[in-house]
N, C-alpha and C. Protein backbone atom coordinates (compact mmCIF):
# COMPACT_ATOMS: atom_id res chain seq x y z
N UNK A 1 120.39 106.28 128.42
CA UNK A 1 119.00 106.22 128.03
C UNK A 1 118.23 105.55 129.19
N UNK A 2 117.04 106.03 129.45
CA UNK A 2 116.26 105.49 130.53
C UNK A 2 115.67 104.12 130.20
N UNK A 3 115.35 103.38 131.20
CA UNK A 3 114.72 102.06 130.97
C UNK A 3 113.35 102.22 130.29
N UNK A 4 112.60 103.23 130.69
CA UNK A 4 111.30 103.40 130.08
C UNK A 4 111.38 103.66 128.59
N UNK A 5 112.33 104.48 128.20
CA UNK A 5 112.53 104.75 126.75
C UNK A 5 113.05 103.45 126.08
N UNK A 6 113.88 102.66 126.74
CA UNK A 6 114.31 101.40 126.20
C UNK A 6 113.15 100.45 125.95
N UNK A 7 112.22 100.39 126.93
CA UNK A 7 111.08 99.47 126.76
C UNK A 7 110.17 99.90 125.66
N UNK A 8 110.01 101.26 125.45
CA UNK A 8 109.25 101.77 124.37
C UNK A 8 109.86 101.46 123.03
N UNK A 9 111.22 101.58 123.01
CA UNK A 9 111.93 101.22 121.76
C UNK A 9 111.82 99.74 121.45
N UNK A 10 111.76 98.90 122.51
CA UNK A 10 111.65 97.49 122.30
C UNK A 10 110.28 97.12 121.62
N UNK A 11 109.24 97.78 122.07
CA UNK A 11 107.93 97.61 121.43
C UNK A 11 107.99 97.99 119.94
N UNK A 12 108.52 99.20 119.71
CA UNK A 12 108.60 99.68 118.32
C UNK A 12 109.43 98.77 117.48
N UNK A 13 110.60 98.39 117.97
CA UNK A 13 111.49 97.52 117.22
C UNK A 13 110.90 96.15 116.98
N UNK A 14 110.12 95.64 117.94
CA UNK A 14 109.50 94.33 117.69
C UNK A 14 108.46 94.40 116.58
N UNK A 15 107.76 95.52 116.47
CA UNK A 15 106.79 95.67 115.37
C UNK A 15 107.56 95.92 114.01
N UNK A 16 108.68 96.64 114.06
CA UNK A 16 109.42 96.81 112.83
C UNK A 16 109.99 95.47 112.35
N UNK A 17 110.47 94.66 113.32
CA UNK A 17 110.98 93.31 112.91
C UNK A 17 109.86 92.44 112.37
N UNK A 18 108.68 92.48 112.97
CA UNK A 18 107.57 91.70 112.54
C UNK A 18 107.16 92.16 111.13
N UNK A 19 107.11 93.38 110.88
CA UNK A 19 106.77 93.88 109.54
C UNK A 19 107.80 93.53 108.48
N UNK A 20 109.10 93.57 108.90
CA UNK A 20 110.18 93.15 107.97
C UNK A 20 110.03 91.65 107.66
N UNK A 21 109.71 90.86 108.67
CA UNK A 21 109.52 89.42 108.41
C UNK A 21 108.27 89.17 107.51
N UNK A 22 107.31 90.07 107.62
CA UNK A 22 106.09 89.93 106.80
C UNK A 22 106.33 90.16 105.33
N UNK A 23 107.16 91.20 105.06
CA UNK A 23 107.37 91.57 103.66
C UNK A 23 108.60 90.91 103.04
N UNK A 24 109.32 90.12 103.83
CA UNK A 24 110.51 89.43 103.33
C UNK A 24 110.06 88.37 102.29
N UNK A 25 110.67 88.40 101.11
CA UNK A 25 110.28 87.48 100.06
C UNK A 25 110.65 86.06 100.47
N UNK A 26 109.74 85.12 100.13
CA UNK A 26 109.95 83.70 100.31
C UNK A 26 109.66 82.98 98.98
N UNK A 27 110.20 81.80 98.79
CA UNK A 27 109.83 81.06 97.55
C UNK A 27 108.33 80.81 97.51
N UNK A 28 107.82 80.69 96.29
CA UNK A 28 106.38 80.62 96.10
C UNK A 28 105.71 79.49 96.94
N UNK A 29 106.35 78.36 97.04
CA UNK A 29 105.75 77.25 97.80
C UNK A 29 105.73 77.44 99.29
N UNK A 30 106.50 78.38 99.78
CA UNK A 30 106.54 78.63 101.23
C UNK A 30 105.73 79.78 101.73
N UNK A 31 105.17 80.58 100.86
CA UNK A 31 104.49 81.79 101.30
C UNK A 31 103.30 81.49 102.14
N UNK A 32 102.62 80.37 101.91
CA UNK A 32 101.45 79.98 102.66
C UNK A 32 101.83 79.53 104.10
N UNK A 33 103.06 79.18 104.30
CA UNK A 33 103.51 78.75 105.64
C UNK A 33 103.98 79.90 106.48
N UNK A 34 103.96 81.08 105.95
CA UNK A 34 104.50 82.25 106.71
C UNK A 34 103.46 82.57 107.84
N UNK A 35 103.99 82.59 109.09
CA UNK A 35 103.07 82.99 110.17
C UNK A 35 102.71 84.43 110.08
N UNK A 36 101.69 84.85 110.72
CA UNK A 36 101.22 86.23 110.75
C UNK A 36 102.03 86.92 111.83
N UNK A 37 103.26 87.39 111.45
CA UNK A 37 104.26 87.91 112.42
C UNK A 37 103.70 89.08 113.19
N UNK A 38 103.04 89.98 112.44
CA UNK A 38 102.48 91.16 113.17
C UNK A 38 101.37 90.75 114.11
N UNK A 39 100.59 89.81 113.76
CA UNK A 39 99.54 89.30 114.59
C UNK A 39 100.10 88.65 115.86
N UNK A 40 101.16 87.89 115.68
CA UNK A 40 101.82 87.29 116.87
C UNK A 40 102.41 88.34 117.78
N UNK A 41 103.00 89.37 117.23
CA UNK A 41 103.57 90.43 118.01
C UNK A 41 102.46 91.25 118.74
N UNK A 42 101.39 91.48 118.07
CA UNK A 42 100.24 92.13 118.69
C UNK A 42 99.69 91.30 119.84
N UNK A 43 99.57 89.98 119.64
CA UNK A 43 99.08 89.14 120.72
C UNK A 43 100.01 89.20 121.92
N UNK A 44 101.31 89.12 121.66
CA UNK A 44 102.27 89.15 122.81
C UNK A 44 102.09 90.40 123.63
N UNK A 45 102.09 91.58 122.91
CA UNK A 45 102.06 92.88 123.67
C UNK A 45 100.64 93.06 124.27
N UNK A 46 99.61 92.52 123.66
CA UNK A 46 98.28 92.65 124.27
C UNK A 46 98.17 91.79 125.53
N UNK A 47 98.87 90.66 125.59
CA UNK A 47 98.86 89.83 126.76
C UNK A 47 99.78 90.37 127.86
N UNK A 48 101.00 90.73 127.53
CA UNK A 48 101.96 91.09 128.52
C UNK A 48 101.97 92.57 128.99
N UNK A 49 101.57 93.45 128.11
CA UNK A 49 101.55 94.85 128.45
C UNK A 49 100.46 95.57 127.74
N UNK A 50 99.18 95.42 128.19
CA UNK A 50 98.04 95.96 127.46
C UNK A 50 98.03 97.50 127.36
N UNK A 51 98.80 98.14 128.24
CA UNK A 51 98.82 99.61 128.18
C UNK A 51 99.58 100.10 126.95
N UNK A 52 100.44 99.25 126.43
CA UNK A 52 101.21 99.56 125.21
C UNK A 52 100.35 99.53 123.95
N UNK A 53 99.42 98.57 123.95
CA UNK A 53 98.66 98.31 122.73
C UNK A 53 97.15 98.29 122.99
N UNK A 54 96.56 99.37 122.50
CA UNK A 54 95.05 99.44 122.58
C UNK A 54 94.50 99.23 121.17
N UNK A 55 93.17 99.34 121.10
CA UNK A 55 92.53 99.12 119.81
C UNK A 55 92.94 100.15 118.75
N UNK A 56 93.11 101.37 119.16
CA UNK A 56 93.51 102.45 118.23
C UNK A 56 94.90 102.19 117.68
N UNK A 57 95.86 101.85 118.52
CA UNK A 57 97.24 101.53 118.07
C UNK A 57 97.24 100.33 117.16
N UNK A 58 96.43 99.31 117.51
CA UNK A 58 96.34 98.14 116.64
C UNK A 58 95.80 98.51 115.28
N UNK A 59 94.81 99.40 115.24
CA UNK A 59 94.32 99.90 113.96
C UNK A 59 95.34 100.57 113.14
N UNK A 60 96.12 101.47 113.77
CA UNK A 60 97.20 102.21 113.09
C UNK A 60 98.26 101.23 112.58
N UNK A 61 98.63 100.29 113.39
CA UNK A 61 99.65 99.30 112.95
C UNK A 61 99.11 98.48 111.71
N UNK A 62 97.81 98.17 111.79
CA UNK A 62 97.20 97.50 110.67
C UNK A 62 97.19 98.30 109.40
N UNK A 63 96.88 99.60 109.52
CA UNK A 63 96.93 100.46 108.32
C UNK A 63 98.34 100.54 107.72
N UNK A 64 99.35 100.61 108.59
CA UNK A 64 100.72 100.64 108.13
C UNK A 64 101.02 99.33 107.43
N UNK A 65 100.60 98.20 108.01
CA UNK A 65 100.84 96.94 107.38
C UNK A 65 100.11 96.83 106.02
N UNK A 66 98.90 97.42 105.92
CA UNK A 66 98.22 97.44 104.64
C UNK A 66 98.98 98.22 103.63
N UNK A 67 99.60 99.29 103.99
CA UNK A 67 100.45 100.05 103.06
C UNK A 67 101.68 99.28 102.67
N UNK A 68 102.34 98.59 103.61
CA UNK A 68 103.51 97.82 103.30
C UNK A 68 103.25 96.65 102.40
N UNK A 69 102.12 95.98 102.61
CA UNK A 69 101.88 94.74 101.84
C UNK A 69 101.03 95.02 100.55
N UNK A 70 100.48 96.21 100.44
CA UNK A 70 99.69 96.51 99.28
C UNK A 70 98.33 95.88 99.25
N UNK A 71 97.81 95.56 100.40
CA UNK A 71 96.45 94.97 100.48
C UNK A 71 95.41 96.08 100.60
N UNK A 72 94.16 95.63 100.51
CA UNK A 72 93.07 96.57 100.62
C UNK A 72 93.14 97.32 101.92
N UNK A 73 92.97 98.63 101.84
CA UNK A 73 93.10 99.49 103.02
C UNK A 73 92.06 99.07 104.06
N UNK A 74 92.57 98.82 105.29
CA UNK A 74 91.71 98.43 106.38
C UNK A 74 91.62 96.95 106.63
N UNK A 75 92.16 96.14 105.76
CA UNK A 75 92.09 94.70 105.92
C UNK A 75 92.86 94.23 107.13
N UNK A 76 94.14 94.57 107.24
CA UNK A 76 94.90 94.21 108.37
C UNK A 76 94.49 95.04 109.59
N UNK A 77 94.10 96.24 109.38
CA UNK A 77 93.60 97.05 110.49
C UNK A 77 92.43 96.42 111.21
N UNK A 78 91.48 95.97 110.47
CA UNK A 78 90.31 95.26 111.10
C UNK A 78 90.80 93.97 111.72
N UNK A 79 91.67 93.28 111.10
CA UNK A 79 92.19 92.01 111.60
C UNK A 79 92.84 92.23 112.96
N UNK A 80 93.73 93.17 113.09
CA UNK A 80 94.39 93.41 114.30
C UNK A 80 93.54 93.94 115.40
N UNK A 81 92.58 94.74 115.06
CA UNK A 81 91.61 95.22 116.07
C UNK A 81 90.85 94.05 116.66
N UNK A 82 90.36 93.14 115.82
CA UNK A 82 89.67 91.94 116.29
C UNK A 82 90.57 91.09 117.19
N UNK A 83 91.82 90.92 116.79
CA UNK A 83 92.77 90.14 117.56
C UNK A 83 92.95 90.78 118.93
N UNK A 84 93.16 92.07 118.96
CA UNK A 84 93.42 92.77 120.30
C UNK A 84 92.16 92.65 121.14
N UNK A 85 90.96 92.85 120.52
CA UNK A 85 89.79 92.70 121.31
C UNK A 85 89.65 91.33 121.95
N UNK A 86 89.87 90.27 121.16
CA UNK A 86 89.74 88.91 121.68
C UNK A 86 90.77 88.65 122.78
N UNK A 87 92.00 89.12 122.56
CA UNK A 87 93.01 88.93 123.62
C UNK A 87 92.68 89.69 124.86
N UNK A 88 92.15 90.89 124.71
CA UNK A 88 91.77 91.64 125.91
C UNK A 88 90.69 90.93 126.69
N UNK A 89 89.83 90.25 126.04
CA UNK A 89 88.70 89.53 126.73
C UNK A 89 89.26 88.34 127.53
N UNK A 90 90.28 87.71 127.03
CA UNK A 90 90.83 86.47 127.66
C UNK A 90 92.24 86.66 128.23
N UNK A 91 92.69 87.88 128.28
CA UNK A 91 94.05 88.16 128.72
C UNK A 91 94.39 87.58 130.08
N UNK A 92 93.58 87.74 131.08
CA UNK A 92 93.90 87.29 132.43
C UNK A 92 94.05 85.75 132.44
N UNK A 93 93.28 85.04 131.66
CA UNK A 93 93.37 83.59 131.63
C UNK A 93 94.63 83.18 130.86
N UNK A 94 94.83 83.85 129.68
CA UNK A 94 95.97 83.44 128.82
C UNK A 94 97.29 83.67 129.47
N UNK A 95 97.42 84.66 130.35
CA UNK A 95 98.71 84.95 130.97
C UNK A 95 99.17 83.77 131.82
N UNK A 96 98.26 82.99 132.36
CA UNK A 96 98.63 81.96 133.24
C UNK A 96 98.50 80.54 132.60
N UNK A 97 98.23 80.55 131.36
CA UNK A 97 98.23 79.24 130.65
C UNK A 97 99.72 78.74 130.56
N UNK A 98 99.93 77.45 130.63
CA UNK A 98 101.27 76.94 130.25
C UNK A 98 101.52 77.37 128.75
N UNK A 99 102.77 77.39 128.37
CA UNK A 99 103.13 77.86 127.08
C UNK A 99 102.49 77.09 125.95
N UNK A 100 102.35 75.77 126.06
CA UNK A 100 101.73 74.96 125.07
C UNK A 100 100.28 75.27 124.88
N UNK A 101 99.55 75.57 126.03
CA UNK A 101 98.15 75.95 125.91
C UNK A 101 98.01 77.37 125.32
N UNK A 102 98.97 78.22 125.72
CA UNK A 102 98.93 79.57 125.14
C UNK A 102 99.12 79.52 123.60
N UNK A 103 100.00 78.61 123.17
CA UNK A 103 100.21 78.45 121.72
C UNK A 103 98.95 77.96 121.05
N UNK A 104 98.20 77.03 121.61
CA UNK A 104 96.96 76.60 121.07
C UNK A 104 95.92 77.72 120.98
N UNK A 105 95.86 78.53 122.08
CA UNK A 105 94.95 79.68 122.07
C UNK A 105 95.35 80.68 121.00
N UNK A 106 96.62 80.91 120.83
CA UNK A 106 97.08 81.83 119.81
C UNK A 106 96.71 81.25 118.44
N UNK A 107 96.84 79.95 118.24
CA UNK A 107 96.47 79.32 116.96
C UNK A 107 94.98 79.50 116.68
N UNK A 108 94.15 79.37 117.71
CA UNK A 108 92.68 79.57 117.53
C UNK A 108 92.39 80.99 117.19
N UNK A 109 93.06 81.96 117.81
CA UNK A 109 92.88 83.37 117.54
C UNK A 109 93.26 83.69 116.06
N UNK A 110 94.36 83.11 115.69
CA UNK A 110 94.83 83.38 114.32
C UNK A 110 94.06 82.64 113.26
N UNK A 111 93.47 81.51 113.58
CA UNK A 111 92.55 80.83 112.70
C UNK A 111 91.29 81.68 112.51
N UNK A 112 90.82 82.24 113.58
CA UNK A 112 89.68 83.14 113.48
C UNK A 112 90.02 84.33 112.58
N UNK A 113 91.24 84.83 112.76
CA UNK A 113 91.74 85.94 111.92
C UNK A 113 91.73 85.57 110.43
N UNK A 114 92.18 84.35 110.14
CA UNK A 114 92.23 83.96 108.74
C UNK A 114 90.86 83.80 108.16
N UNK A 115 89.90 83.32 109.00
CA UNK A 115 88.50 83.23 108.49
C UNK A 115 87.92 84.60 108.11
N UNK A 116 88.18 85.55 109.04
CA UNK A 116 87.72 86.94 108.80
C UNK A 116 88.40 87.47 107.53
N UNK A 117 89.71 87.19 107.38
CA UNK A 117 90.43 87.65 106.21
C UNK A 117 89.80 87.04 104.92
N UNK A 118 89.51 85.73 104.99
CA UNK A 118 88.90 85.13 103.78
C UNK A 118 87.53 85.69 103.48
N UNK A 119 86.77 85.94 104.54
CA UNK A 119 85.44 86.47 104.34
C UNK A 119 85.52 87.90 103.70
N UNK A 120 86.39 88.73 104.15
CA UNK A 120 86.55 90.10 103.57
C UNK A 120 87.01 89.99 102.12
N UNK A 121 88.01 89.08 101.89
CA UNK A 121 88.48 88.93 100.54
C UNK A 121 87.37 88.42 99.62
N UNK A 122 86.52 87.56 100.11
CA UNK A 122 85.37 87.08 99.24
C UNK A 122 84.39 88.21 99.00
N UNK A 123 84.20 89.11 100.00
CA UNK A 123 83.27 90.20 99.81
C UNK A 123 83.84 91.21 98.76
N UNK A 124 85.15 91.30 98.69
CA UNK A 124 85.80 92.25 97.72
C UNK A 124 85.86 91.60 96.33
N UNK A 125 85.57 90.34 96.18
CA UNK A 125 85.57 89.74 94.90
C UNK A 125 86.81 88.87 94.56
N UNK A 126 87.81 88.93 95.41
CA UNK A 126 89.00 88.10 95.18
C UNK A 126 88.92 86.90 96.11
N UNK A 127 89.19 85.76 95.54
CA UNK A 127 89.08 84.55 96.29
C UNK A 127 90.32 84.20 97.06
N UNK A 128 90.21 83.40 98.08
CA UNK A 128 91.31 82.92 98.85
C UNK A 128 91.23 81.38 98.93
N UNK A 129 92.38 80.74 98.71
CA UNK A 129 92.37 79.28 98.76
C UNK A 129 92.31 78.77 100.21
N UNK A 130 91.78 77.54 100.37
CA UNK A 130 91.63 77.00 101.68
C UNK A 130 93.00 76.70 102.35
N UNK A 131 93.97 76.37 101.53
CA UNK A 131 95.32 76.08 102.13
C UNK A 131 95.93 77.32 102.68
N UNK A 132 95.64 78.51 102.04
CA UNK A 132 96.18 79.76 102.53
C UNK A 132 95.60 80.07 103.93
N UNK A 133 94.39 79.67 104.13
CA UNK A 133 93.75 79.91 105.42
C UNK A 133 94.24 78.96 106.48
N UNK A 134 94.39 77.66 106.11
CA UNK A 134 94.64 76.66 107.08
C UNK A 134 96.10 76.38 107.44
N UNK A 135 97.04 76.83 106.68
CA UNK A 135 98.47 76.47 106.91
C UNK A 135 99.17 77.47 107.85
N UNK A 136 98.84 78.73 107.81
CA UNK A 136 99.57 79.72 108.64
C UNK A 136 99.31 79.54 110.16
N UNK A 137 98.07 79.36 110.64
CA UNK A 137 97.88 79.22 112.04
C UNK A 137 98.66 78.06 112.70
N UNK A 138 98.76 76.83 112.12
CA UNK A 138 99.59 75.79 112.79
C UNK A 138 101.05 76.18 112.82
N UNK A 139 101.57 76.82 111.82
CA UNK A 139 102.94 77.27 111.83
C UNK A 139 103.15 78.31 112.96
N UNK A 140 102.12 79.19 113.16
CA UNK A 140 102.18 80.17 114.22
C UNK A 140 102.18 79.49 115.61
N UNK A 141 101.46 78.40 115.71
CA UNK A 141 101.47 77.64 116.97
C UNK A 141 102.84 77.11 117.27
N UNK A 142 103.54 76.67 116.28
CA UNK A 142 104.92 76.18 116.48
C UNK A 142 105.93 77.33 116.74
N UNK A 143 105.69 78.50 116.14
CA UNK A 143 106.58 79.64 116.33
C UNK A 143 106.33 80.36 117.66
N UNK A 144 105.07 80.34 118.13
CA UNK A 144 104.68 81.15 119.32
C UNK A 144 105.60 80.92 120.53
N UNK A 145 105.88 79.68 120.96
CA UNK A 145 106.71 79.55 122.19
C UNK A 145 108.05 80.18 122.07
N UNK A 146 108.66 80.10 120.90
CA UNK A 146 110.05 80.65 120.70
C UNK A 146 109.91 82.21 120.68
N UNK A 147 108.92 82.68 120.01
CA UNK A 147 108.74 84.17 119.94
C UNK A 147 108.40 84.74 121.31
N UNK A 148 107.54 84.03 122.03
CA UNK A 148 107.14 84.48 123.35
C UNK A 148 108.36 84.51 124.27
N UNK A 149 109.21 83.50 124.24
CA UNK A 149 110.36 83.47 125.12
C UNK A 149 111.36 84.54 124.79
N UNK A 150 111.54 84.80 123.48
CA UNK A 150 112.45 85.85 123.02
C UNK A 150 111.96 87.22 123.51
N UNK A 151 110.71 87.53 123.17
CA UNK A 151 110.17 88.87 123.55
C UNK A 151 110.07 88.99 125.08
N UNK A 152 109.75 87.91 125.79
CA UNK A 152 109.66 88.02 127.25
C UNK A 152 111.02 88.28 127.83
N UNK A 153 112.04 87.60 127.32
CA UNK A 153 113.41 87.88 127.89
C UNK A 153 113.78 89.29 127.62
N UNK A 154 113.56 89.78 126.42
CA UNK A 154 113.88 91.19 126.13
C UNK A 154 113.05 92.20 126.97
N UNK A 155 111.82 91.86 127.16
CA UNK A 155 110.94 92.77 127.99
C UNK A 155 111.42 92.80 129.46
N UNK A 156 111.77 91.64 129.94
CA UNK A 156 112.25 91.59 131.34
C UNK A 156 113.63 92.37 131.43
N UNK A 157 114.40 92.33 130.42
CA UNK A 157 115.68 93.02 130.48
C UNK A 157 115.54 94.53 130.49
N UNK A 158 114.56 95.05 129.68
CA UNK A 158 114.39 96.45 129.56
C UNK A 158 113.19 96.98 130.33
N UNK A 159 112.70 96.25 131.28
CA UNK A 159 111.57 96.66 132.07
C UNK A 159 111.89 97.91 132.91
N UNK A 160 111.08 98.99 132.88
CA UNK A 160 111.38 100.15 133.65
C UNK A 160 111.26 99.82 135.15
N UNK A 161 112.13 100.39 135.95
CA UNK A 161 112.16 100.08 137.38
C UNK A 161 111.64 101.26 138.18
């Protein structure tokens, strides 16, 4: 198999793994601590290989995530499009941040995402608790360095030559 096909499969498998982690059941008390796995994966690929992930693909991934999680159609799609847009605007800076600063930037992007999520949920009539909004981004800040290092090592291994 060619390296180019391997790298494409890596992107697809990373999103499959992120979606599996998203729908994996957790005890009730821990569900609010679940990081936005698909959002983290989108941020990684938007930073490291923007040709792989554009706004249209982010929208399609979001629609698929809406189907998997049973949320309102377009909720995750809008969320991921906004994330990709923000990352595209700051991509060149974020690439050269130290990993701890990158994690803080990712946390800010995901906090923005949670605010948009809460706003849309309030417009649809279903409320969202404040702890649901505020707990996931700090957990994502802690997860980001490990996820970044894992995906970066895999990307370097399967990089087309």
